[in-house]
Structure formats: C-alpha cells, structure tokens
C-alpha cells in the first residue's frame, strides 16, 4: 500500500489534474531545497493559484509506503494505478490528465506514461533513460561542478561518483554490479516507442547527476 498528497480546489468542479512525480529517493517530505521550492509547496500553489488538481504519489518504501524502493520499476505501476483512482474522483476531469517528473520522477513518468491511456501530456525533465549507462558514467566519468546562480550565489554539485553508483546498484540488486536485465527492466528506452501520449523530454546540458546523454538517447 502506498499513498500520496492530493491538492485540489474544493468547488465541486472537475478540473485538469497533474500527477507530479518527485525526484530523488528520499520521499516527498524530504526537502533539500530552499523554503518555497519543494514539491509540497508546489502542490498547494498549483491548486490555489492555477486551478489545477495536483497529485503527488508516494514511492514504495518511503513516506510510509510499503515495500522497498525499486528505482523506476514498481513505482511506475503504482503511478498508473493512481491515474485510474484519480479518474474516478468527482473533482477530476478524466479527459485532462498529465504526468510530470524530474530526474528519477522523469524516469517514472516515461514508464508510467506508457501504461496510462489518453494522457494530455507526459513531461520528463532530465530523466535517466538507460541505467546501465547512467551507473557506468558515475563509475568512470563523473566530475563535481559549481553553478553561479542569478543572484550571484555559488552552489557546489558534488553528489555522484563511484559511491553514488554503488548506492544505485544496492537499490537495484542489493550489490555492486547488477545484471543487464536488471538495468533494462528499469530503463524507459525499450518502452517509450509504445507510448501514444504526447511526450516532451527536457535535457539539462550542465547536469552533473544525470548526464545530458541520457536524454539524447
């Protein structure tokens, strides 16, 4: 059993609904960003300011959900089932449903989008698309970087490298160096050609965690 956070305008009208899939494996209520930029705030803001319903699914093994994190495998099935439930709610227009996710959430969005018919859109921002290549990148090519933001502040991006690759492998198969089959089962590439939904993949050329080559695939 897994849950989620639903934000909606309580006026009795069926509205467009966005399934917003969070990045990272820490859960919805883990907020590494400045106040006001987390996914929970986004959920409330979109409903209050833009008149759209937003559903933020919890992933397996976090936020009180049963099971273990599967890294873009069973999570996609859960999101597809969530879409069925949402389309049965009075506040949801079943013909106006979209899925958006970034990083890990983008991977889940691409995989879930294949399973959910008649979506208005699937938006994946900097998603991993080939886990074997992704993990090989962190074992052999990762390099930290710094970013100068618009306000002049400097942010160091140091997460990644062999230790990060080991962490991903531990989630996938519980030991470093998983099978090609285990990686492919979590990769959207073999499935996206089956999708009939309008799909946009956004690449970030300076992303140090998910290299742009993942989106160019």
Protein backbone atom coordinates (compact mmCIF):
# COMPACT_ATOMS: atom_id res chain seq x y z
CA UNK A 1 0.00 0.00 0.00
CA UNK A 2 1.31 3.42 -0.96
CA UNK A 3 -0.35 6.81 -0.65
CA UNK A 4 0.04 10.33 -1.94
CA UNK A 5 -0.77 14.00 -1.47
CA UNK A 6 -3.79 15.42 -3.34
CA UNK A 7 -4.25 19.18 -3.66
CA UNK A 8 -7.45 20.46 -5.29
CA UNK A 9 -9.87 23.37 -5.45
CA UNK A 10 -12.93 22.42 -3.42
CA UNK A 11 -15.61 23.98 -5.63
CA UNK A 12 -17.26 20.81 -6.92
CA UNK A 13 -15.94 21.31 -10.45
CA UNK A 14 -13.94 18.62 -12.27
CA UNK A 15 -10.56 20.07 -13.17
CA UNK A 16 -7.40 19.20 -15.05
CA UNK A 17 -5.08 17.11 -12.91
CA UNK A 18 -1.31 16.73 -12.82
CA UNK A 19 0.48 13.72 -11.38
CA UNK A 20 3.67 15.34 -10.11
CA UNK A 21 6.43 12.75 -9.53
CA UNK A 22 9.21 13.86 -7.22
CA UNK A 23 12.92 13.49 -7.86
CA UNK A 24 15.27 11.52 -5.61
CA UNK A 25 14.62 8.53 -3.39
CA UNK A 26 14.20 10.31 -0.05
CA UNK A 27 10.47 10.90 -0.26
CA UNK A 28 8.04 13.77 -0.70
CA UNK A 29 8.72 15.32 2.68
CA UNK A 30 12.50 15.40 2.29
CA UNK A 31 13.21 18.99 1.30
CA UNK A 32 16.81 19.72 0.28
CA UNK A 33 15.79 22.96 -1.42
CA UNK A 34 15.16 26.47 -0.07
CA UNK A 35 11.74 27.03 1.55
CA UNK A 36 9.03 27.59 -1.03
CA UNK A 37 10.65 25.45 -3.73
CA UNK A 38 9.73 21.97 -2.54
CA UNK A 39 7.15 19.71 -4.18
CA UNK A 40 4.66 20.01 -1.28
CA UNK A 41 4.60 23.79 -1.70
CA UNK A 42 4.21 23.33 -5.47
CA UNK A 43 1.22 21.06 -4.89
CA UNK A 44 -0.63 23.66 -2.82
CA UNK A 45 0.45 26.54 -5.07
CA UNK A 46 -0.74 24.97 -8.32
CA UNK A 47 -4.14 24.18 -6.84
CA UNK A 48 -4.54 27.60 -5.23
CA UNK A 49 -3.09 29.80 -7.96
CA UNK A 50 -3.62 27.90 -11.20
CA UNK A 51 -6.84 25.98 -10.62
CA UNK A 52 -5.38 22.56 -11.36
CA UNK A 53 -5.53 19.50 -9.17
CA UNK A 54 -2.15 18.03 -8.28
CA UNK A 55 -1.49 14.52 -7.01
CA UNK A 56 1.99 13.74 -5.65
CA UNK A 57 2.38 9.95 -5.36
CA UNK A 58 4.49 8.47 -2.61
CA UNK A 59 7.02 5.91 -3.80
CA UNK A 60 7.42 2.41 -2.44
CA UNK A 61 9.41 2.16 0.78
CA UNK A 62 9.27 5.89 1.65
CA UNK A 63 6.70 8.25 3.16
CA UNK A 64 5.10 5.31 4.95
CA UNK A 65 4.63 3.25 1.80
CA UNK A 66 5.05 -0.50 1.96
CA UNK A 67 7.76 -2.40 0.10
CA UNK A 68 11.22 -1.23 -0.92
CA UNK A 69 12.38 1.43 -3.38
CA UNK A 70 12.73 -0.21 -6.79
CA UNK A 71 14.25 2.69 -8.75
CA UNK A 72 11.82 3.23 -11.63
CA UNK A 73 10.25 -0.23 -11.70
CA UNK A 74 7.22 -0.91 -9.50
CA UNK A 75 6.86 2.83 -8.91
CA UNK A 76 5.63 3.21 -12.49
CA UNK A 77 2.93 0.59 -11.88
CA UNK A 78 1.84 2.49 -8.76
CA UNK A 79 1.53 5.75 -10.71
CA UNK A 80 -0.51 4.03 -13.42
CA UNK A 81 -2.87 2.69 -10.75
CA UNK A 82 -3.06 6.15 -9.18
CA UNK A 83 -4.27 7.51 -12.54
CA UNK A 84 -7.15 5.02 -12.50
CA UNK A 85 -8.15 6.13 -9.00
CA UNK A 86 -7.89 9.82 -9.87
CA UNK A 87 -10.10 9.46 -12.92
CA UNK A 88 -12.82 8.14 -10.63
CA UNK A 89 -12.87 11.24 -8.41
CA UNK A 90 -15.58 13.88 -8.82
CA UNK A 91 -13.02 16.70 -8.70
CA UNK A 92 -11.01 15.25 -11.61
CA UNK A 93 -11.77 15.71 -15.30
CA UNK A 94 -10.77 12.25 -16.56
CA UNK A 95 -10.00 13.65 -20.02
CA UNK A 96 -7.48 16.19 -18.74
CA UNK A 97 -4.74 14.25 -17.01
CA UNK A 98 -0.97 14.78 -17.33
CA UNK A 99 2.19 13.36 -15.76
CA UNK A 100 5.30 15.38 -14.92
CA UNK A 101 8.52 14.32 -13.22
CA UNK A 102 12.16 15.32 -12.91
CA UNK A 103 15.24 13.11 -12.58
CA UNK A 104 14.02 9.83 -11.04
CA UNK A 105 10.48 11.20 -11.33
CA UNK A 106 11.09 11.76 -15.02
CA UNK A 107 12.10 8.13 -15.46
CA UNK A 108 8.94 7.02 -13.66
CA UNK A 109 6.87 9.45 -15.75
CA UNK A 110 8.14 7.95 -19.00
CA UNK A 111 7.49 4.39 -17.86
CA UNK A 112 4.11 5.12 -16.30
CA UNK A 113 3.09 7.19 -19.33
CA UNK A 114 3.21 4.09 -21.50
CA UNK A 115 0.68 2.40 -19.20
CA UNK A 116 -1.81 5.28 -18.87
CA UNK A 117 -4.07 5.83 -21.91
CA UNK A 118 -5.24 9.20 -23.20
CA UNK A 119 -2.95 11.48 -21.24
CA UNK A 120 -2.85 15.11 -22.33
CA UNK A 121 0.92 15.19 -21.79
CA UNK A 122 3.94 13.44 -20.35
CA UNK A 123 6.77 15.75 -19.29
CA UNK A 124 10.11 14.27 -18.19
CA UNK A 125 12.81 16.68 -17.00
CA UNK A 126 16.40 15.34 -17.11
CA UNK A 127 15.31 11.71 -16.68
CA UNK A 128 17.64 8.70 -16.53
CA UNK A 129 16.75 6.58 -19.54
CA UNK A 130 19.46 3.87 -19.52
CA UNK A 131 20.51 2.75 -16.05
CA UNK A 132 23.50 0.69 -17.21
CA UNK A 133 25.00 3.74 -18.96
CA UNK A 134 23.99 6.00 -16.06
CA UNK A 135 25.82 3.89 -13.49
CA UNK A 136 28.84 3.45 -15.76
CA UNK A 137 29.02 7.25 -16.09
CA UNK A 138 29.24 7.65 -12.32
CA UNK A 139 31.90 4.96 -12.02
CA UNK A 140 34.17 6.39 -14.72
CA UNK A 141 33.26 9.93 -15.84
CA UNK A 142 31.59 11.88 -13.02
CA UNK A 143 33.18 15.22 -12.09
CA UNK A 144 31.92 17.76 -9.50
CA UNK A 145 30.92 21.20 -10.73
CA UNK A 146 29.91 24.62 -9.45
CA UNK A 147 27.00 26.78 -10.55
CA UNK A 148 26.70 30.56 -10.26
CA UNK A 149 23.04 31.43 -9.86
CA UNK A 150 21.22 34.56 -10.99
CA UNK A 151 21.54 36.13 -7.53
CA UNK A 152 25.32 35.65 -7.59
CA UNK A 153 25.38 32.77 -5.12
CA UNK A 154 27.55 29.75 -5.92
CA UNK A 155 26.33 26.19 -5.49
CA UNK A 156 28.65 23.17 -5.47
CA UNK A 157 27.33 19.99 -7.10
CA UNK A 158 29.32 17.13 -5.60
CA UNK A 159 26.80 14.27 -5.34
CA UNK A 160 27.80 11.45 -7.64
CA UNK A 161 30.75 9.24 -8.49
CA UNK A 162 31.51 5.60 -7.61
CA UNK A 163 29.83 5.78 -4.19
CA UNK A 164 26.66 7.03 -5.86
CA UNK A 165 26.87 4.20 -8.41
CA UNK A 166 27.18 1.69 -5.56
CA UNK A 167 24.10 3.20 -3.89
CA UNK A 168 22.08 2.85 -7.11
CA UNK A 169 23.24 -0.73 -7.57
CA UNK A 170 22.28 -1.52 -3.99
CA UNK A 171 18.75 -0.28 -4.67
CA UNK A 172 18.52 -2.30 -7.88
CA UNK A 173 20.07 -5.64 -6.93
CA UNK A 174 21.50 -5.21 -3.40
CA UNK A 175 25.15 -5.43 -4.54
CA UNK A 176 27.56 -3.53 -6.84
CA UNK A 177 27.34 -4.57 -10.47
CA UNK A 178 23.82 -5.67 -11.41
CA UNK A 179 22.78 -7.71 -14.42
CA UNK A 180 21.99 -6.10 -17.75
CA UNK A 181 18.43 -7.42 -17.37
CA UNK A 182 18.02 -5.63 -14.03
CA UNK A 183 19.12 -2.34 -15.57
CA UNK A 184 16.96 -2.73 -18.67
CA UNK A 185 13.85 -3.51 -16.59
CA UNK A 186 14.14 -0.01 -15.10
CA UNK A 187 15.06 1.85 -18.28
CA UNK A 188 12.32 3.69 -20.24
CA UNK A 189 14.07 3.39 -23.62
CA UNK A 190 12.63 -0.03 -24.59
CA UNK A 191 9.08 1.17 -23.80
CA UNK A 192 8.77 4.76 -24.99
CA UNK A 193 8.16 3.72 -28.59
CA UNK A 194 4.92 2.12 -27.41
CA UNK A 195 3.55 5.36 -26.00
CA UNK A 196 0.69 7.11 -27.79
CA UNK A 197 0.71 10.12 -25.45
CA UNK A 198 2.26 13.50 -26.32
CA UNK A 199 5.68 13.40 -24.64
CA UNK A 200 8.32 16.07 -24.00
CA UNK A 201 11.79 15.28 -22.64
CA UNK A 202 13.73 18.26 -21.29
CA UNK A 203 17.52 17.98 -21.18
CA UNK A 204 19.90 19.88 -18.90
CA UNK A 205 23.32 20.13 -20.52
CA UNK A 206 25.17 21.04 -17.30
CA UNK A 207 23.53 18.40 -15.10
CA UNK A 208 26.25 16.51 -13.22
CA UNK A 209 23.95 13.84 -11.77
CA UNK A 210 22.00 12.74 -14.87
CA UNK A 211 24.21 13.48 -17.92
CA UNK A 212 22.62 15.01 -20.97
CA UNK A 213 23.49 11.88 -22.98
CA UNK A 214 20.71 10.13 -21.06
CA UNK A 215 18.11 12.45 -22.59
CA UNK A 216 19.67 12.42 -26.08
CA UNK A 217 19.03 8.67 -26.20
